[in-house]
């Protein structure tokens, strides 16, 4: 009797796992949308305000590093 109940429950649970995971049919909807892009003239001061603090700091560090590189190149001189 125990074997019968175990086998029946095993068959039931295995069939539930096999058939419950079937993918249902899905419908894909595609819409076409027209987008207009408007270019606005932005003053340099406004672009600075829109940038984040990391971007501004990164630009300053890049400028300092570039200046140091230029100074080192000038110090070494032209070897050609």
N, C-alpha and C. Protein backbone atom coordinates (compact mmCIF):
# COMPACT_ATOMS: atom_id res chain seq x y z
N UNK A 1 0.83 -1.18 0.00
CA UNK A 1 0.00 0.00 0.00
C UNK A 1 0.89 1.26 0.00
N UNK A 2 1.97 1.24 0.79
CA UNK A 2 2.87 2.38 0.83
C UNK A 2 3.50 2.62 -0.53
N UNK A 3 3.86 1.54 -1.20
CA UNK A 3 4.46 1.67 -2.52
C UNK A 3 3.49 2.28 -3.51
N UNK A 4 2.25 1.88 -3.43
CA UNK A 4 1.22 2.41 -4.32
C UNK A 4 1.05 3.92 -4.12
N UNK A 5 0.97 4.34 -2.87
CA UNK A 5 0.79 5.76 -2.55
C UNK A 5 2.03 6.55 -2.98
N UNK A 6 3.23 6.02 -2.72
CA UNK A 6 4.46 6.70 -3.10
C UNK A 6 4.57 6.81 -4.62
N UNK A 7 4.27 5.73 -5.32
CA UNK A 7 4.35 5.76 -6.78
C UNK A 7 3.32 6.72 -7.37
N UNK A 8 2.12 6.71 -6.82
CA UNK A 8 1.06 7.60 -7.31
C UNK A 8 1.44 9.06 -7.07
N UNK A 9 1.96 9.36 -5.89
CA UNK A 9 2.36 10.74 -5.60
C UNK A 9 3.56 11.15 -6.46
N UNK A 10 4.48 10.23 -6.69
CA UNK A 10 5.64 10.51 -7.53
C UNK A 10 5.20 10.80 -8.97
N UNK A 11 4.32 10.01 -9.48
CA UNK A 11 3.80 10.23 -10.85
C UNK A 11 3.04 11.55 -10.91
N UNK A 12 2.24 11.83 -9.90
CA UNK A 12 1.46 13.07 -9.88
C UNK A 12 2.38 14.29 -9.88
N UNK A 13 3.38 14.31 -8.99
CA UNK A 13 4.27 15.47 -8.90
C UNK A 13 5.16 15.62 -10.13
N UNK A 14 5.60 14.49 -10.68
CA UNK A 14 6.43 14.58 -11.88
C UNK A 14 5.61 15.08 -13.07
N UNK A 15 4.35 14.66 -13.17
CA UNK A 15 3.51 15.16 -14.26
C UNK A 15 3.19 16.64 -14.07
N UNK A 16 3.04 17.07 -12.85
CA UNK A 16 2.77 18.49 -12.59
C UNK A 16 3.98 19.34 -12.98
N UNK A 17 5.16 18.87 -12.70
CA UNK A 17 6.35 19.65 -13.04
C UNK A 17 6.59 19.68 -14.53
N UNK A 18 6.26 18.63 -15.23
CA UNK A 18 6.45 18.61 -16.68
C UNK A 18 5.44 19.47 -17.41
N UNK A 19 4.19 19.40 -17.01
CA UNK A 19 3.14 20.09 -17.76
C UNK A 19 2.86 21.50 -17.27
N UNK A 20 3.25 21.84 -16.07
CA UNK A 20 2.97 23.18 -15.57
C UNK A 20 3.99 24.21 -16.07
N UNK A 21 5.11 23.76 -16.62
CA UNK A 21 6.15 24.68 -17.07
C UNK A 21 6.08 24.97 -18.56
N UNK A 22 5.03 24.59 -19.20
CA UNK A 22 4.91 24.85 -20.62
C UNK A 22 4.75 26.35 -20.86
N UNK A 23 5.38 26.80 -21.91
CA UNK A 23 5.27 28.22 -22.24
C UNK A 23 3.98 28.45 -23.01
N UNK A 24 3.30 29.47 -22.62
CA UNK A 24 2.09 29.82 -23.35
C UNK A 24 2.46 30.68 -24.55
N UNK A 25 1.58 30.74 -25.50
CA UNK A 25 1.85 31.55 -26.68
C UNK A 25 1.80 33.02 -26.31
N UNK A 26 2.77 33.75 -26.81
CA UNK A 26 2.84 35.17 -26.50
C UNK A 26 2.69 35.96 -27.79
N UNK A 27 2.03 37.07 -27.69
CA UNK A 27 1.81 37.92 -28.85
C UNK A 27 2.73 39.13 -28.73
N UNK A 28 3.45 39.42 -29.80
CA UNK A 28 4.36 40.54 -29.81
C UNK A 28 3.71 41.69 -30.55
N UNK A 29 3.68 42.84 -29.90
CA UNK A 29 3.09 44.02 -30.50
C UNK A 29 4.20 45.00 -30.83
N UNK A 30 4.24 45.43 -32.08
CA UNK A 30 5.25 46.38 -32.52
C UNK A 30 4.54 47.64 -32.98
N UNK A 31 4.96 48.76 -32.45
CA UNK A 31 4.36 50.04 -32.83
C UNK A 31 5.42 50.91 -33.48
N UNK A 32 5.01 51.61 -34.51
CA UNK A 32 5.92 52.56 -35.14
C UNK A 32 5.64 53.94 -34.57
N UNK A 33 6.69 54.61 -34.17
CA UNK A 33 6.55 55.92 -33.56
C UNK A 33 7.53 56.86 -34.25
N UNK A 34 7.06 58.04 -34.59
CA UNK A 34 7.93 59.05 -35.17
C UNK A 34 8.38 60.00 -34.07
N UNK A 35 9.67 60.26 -34.04
CA UNK A 35 10.23 61.12 -33.00
C UNK A 35 10.95 62.27 -33.67
N UNK A 36 10.67 63.47 -33.20
CA UNK A 36 11.37 64.65 -33.69
C UNK A 36 12.40 65.05 -32.66
N UNK A 37 13.60 65.31 -33.15
CA UNK A 37 14.66 65.71 -32.24
C UNK A 37 14.94 67.19 -32.49
N UNK A 38 14.86 67.95 -31.45
CA UNK A 38 15.07 69.38 -31.55
C UNK A 38 16.42 69.71 -30.92
N UNK A 39 17.29 70.32 -31.71
CA UNK A 39 18.60 70.72 -31.22
C UNK A 39 18.49 72.11 -30.62
N UNK A 40 18.96 72.27 -29.42
CA UNK A 40 18.96 73.57 -28.77
C UNK A 40 20.39 74.03 -28.58
N UNK A 41 20.59 75.33 -28.77
CA UNK A 41 21.91 75.88 -28.51
C UNK A 41 22.06 76.04 -27.01
N UNK A 42 23.15 75.54 -26.51
CA UNK A 42 23.39 75.59 -25.07
C UNK A 42 24.65 76.39 -24.82
N UNK A 43 24.56 77.28 -23.89
CA UNK A 43 25.72 78.09 -23.51
C UNK A 43 26.72 77.20 -22.75
N UNK A 44 28.01 77.50 -22.86
CA UNK A 44 29.02 76.68 -22.15
C UNK A 44 28.80 76.61 -20.65
N UNK A 45 28.32 77.70 -20.08
CA UNK A 45 28.10 77.72 -18.64
C UNK A 45 26.99 76.72 -18.26
N UNK A 46 25.96 76.60 -19.10
CA UNK A 46 24.87 75.68 -18.81
C UNK A 46 25.34 74.23 -18.90
N UNK A 47 26.24 73.93 -19.83
CA UNK A 47 26.73 72.56 -19.94
C UNK A 47 27.54 72.18 -18.71
N UNK A 48 28.28 73.13 -18.15
CA UNK A 48 29.04 72.85 -16.93
C UNK A 48 28.10 72.50 -15.78
N UNK A 49 26.97 73.20 -15.72
CA UNK A 49 26.03 72.95 -14.63
C UNK A 49 25.34 71.61 -14.79
N UNK A 50 25.14 71.17 -16.04
CA UNK A 50 24.45 69.91 -16.27
C UNK A 50 25.34 68.71 -16.00
N UNK A 51 26.64 68.89 -16.07
CA UNK A 51 27.55 67.78 -15.82
C UNK A 51 27.59 67.49 -14.33
N UNK A 52 27.81 66.24 -14.03
CA UNK A 52 27.91 65.84 -12.63
C UNK A 52 29.26 66.21 -12.05
N UNK A 53 29.37 66.10 -10.74
CA UNK A 53 30.61 66.49 -10.07
C UNK A 53 31.75 65.56 -10.47
N UNK A 54 31.45 64.27 -10.71
CA UNK A 54 32.50 63.34 -11.12
C UNK A 54 33.03 63.70 -12.51
N UNK A 55 32.14 64.10 -13.41
CA UNK A 55 32.57 64.46 -14.76
C UNK A 55 33.45 65.71 -14.72
N UNK A 56 33.03 66.71 -13.95
CA UNK A 56 33.82 67.95 -13.86
C UNK A 56 35.18 67.67 -13.23
N UNK A 57 35.20 66.88 -12.15
CA UNK A 57 36.46 66.56 -11.49
C UNK A 57 37.36 65.75 -12.42
N UNK A 58 36.76 64.81 -13.15
CA UNK A 58 37.53 64.01 -14.09
C UNK A 58 38.17 64.85 -15.17
N UNK A 59 37.42 65.83 -15.68
CA UNK A 59 37.98 66.72 -16.70
C UNK A 59 39.14 67.54 -16.14
N UNK A 60 39.00 68.03 -14.92
CA UNK A 60 40.08 68.81 -14.31
C UNK A 60 41.33 67.96 -14.11
N UNK A 61 41.14 66.73 -13.64
CA UNK A 61 42.28 65.84 -13.43
C UNK A 61 42.92 65.51 -14.77
N UNK A 62 42.10 65.27 -15.82
CA UNK A 62 42.65 64.99 -17.15
C UNK A 62 43.48 66.16 -17.65
N UNK A 63 42.98 67.38 -17.44
CA UNK A 63 43.71 68.56 -17.88
C UNK A 63 45.05 68.67 -17.14
N UNK A 64 45.04 68.42 -15.83
CA UNK A 64 46.28 68.50 -15.06
C UNK A 64 47.28 67.44 -15.52
N UNK A 65 46.80 66.23 -15.76
CA UNK A 65 47.68 65.15 -16.21
C UNK A 65 48.23 65.48 -17.60
N UNK A 66 47.40 66.01 -18.47
CA UNK A 66 47.86 66.38 -19.81
C UNK A 66 48.93 67.47 -19.74
N UNK A 67 48.74 68.43 -18.83
CA UNK A 67 49.75 69.48 -18.67
C UNK A 67 51.07 68.88 -18.18
N UNK A 68 51.01 67.96 -17.22
CA UNK A 68 52.22 67.32 -16.72
C UNK A 68 52.91 66.52 -17.82
N UNK A 69 52.14 65.85 -18.63
CA UNK A 69 52.71 65.08 -19.74
C UNK A 69 53.38 66.01 -20.74
N UNK A 70 52.70 67.13 -21.05
CA UNK A 70 53.29 68.10 -21.98
C UNK A 70 54.59 68.67 -21.43
N UNK A 71 54.62 68.99 -20.13
CA UNK A 71 55.83 69.50 -19.52
C UNK A 71 56.95 68.47 -19.58
N UNK A 72 56.63 67.22 -19.34
CA UNK A 72 57.64 66.16 -19.38
C UNK A 72 58.17 65.97 -20.80
N UNK A 73 57.29 66.07 -21.79
CA UNK A 73 57.71 65.97 -23.18
C UNK A 73 58.63 67.13 -23.54
N UNK A 74 58.27 68.34 -23.10
CA UNK A 74 59.12 69.51 -23.37
C UNK A 74 60.47 69.37 -22.66
N UNK A 75 60.47 68.81 -21.46
CA UNK A 75 61.71 68.65 -20.71
C UNK A 75 62.64 67.64 -21.40
N UNK A 76 62.05 66.57 -21.89
CA UNK A 76 62.86 65.55 -22.56
C UNK A 76 63.39 66.09 -23.88
N UNK A 77 62.57 66.83 -24.59
CA UNK A 77 63.01 67.42 -25.85
C UNK A 77 62.73 66.54 -27.03
N UNK A 78 63.11 67.01 -28.17
CA UNK A 78 62.88 66.32 -29.42
C UNK A 78 64.14 65.52 -29.76
N UNK A 79 64.03 64.21 -29.85
CA UNK A 79 65.18 63.34 -30.09
C UNK A 79 65.35 62.98 -31.56
N UNK A 80 64.58 63.56 -32.43
CA UNK A 80 64.70 63.17 -33.85
C UNK A 80 65.77 63.91 -34.57
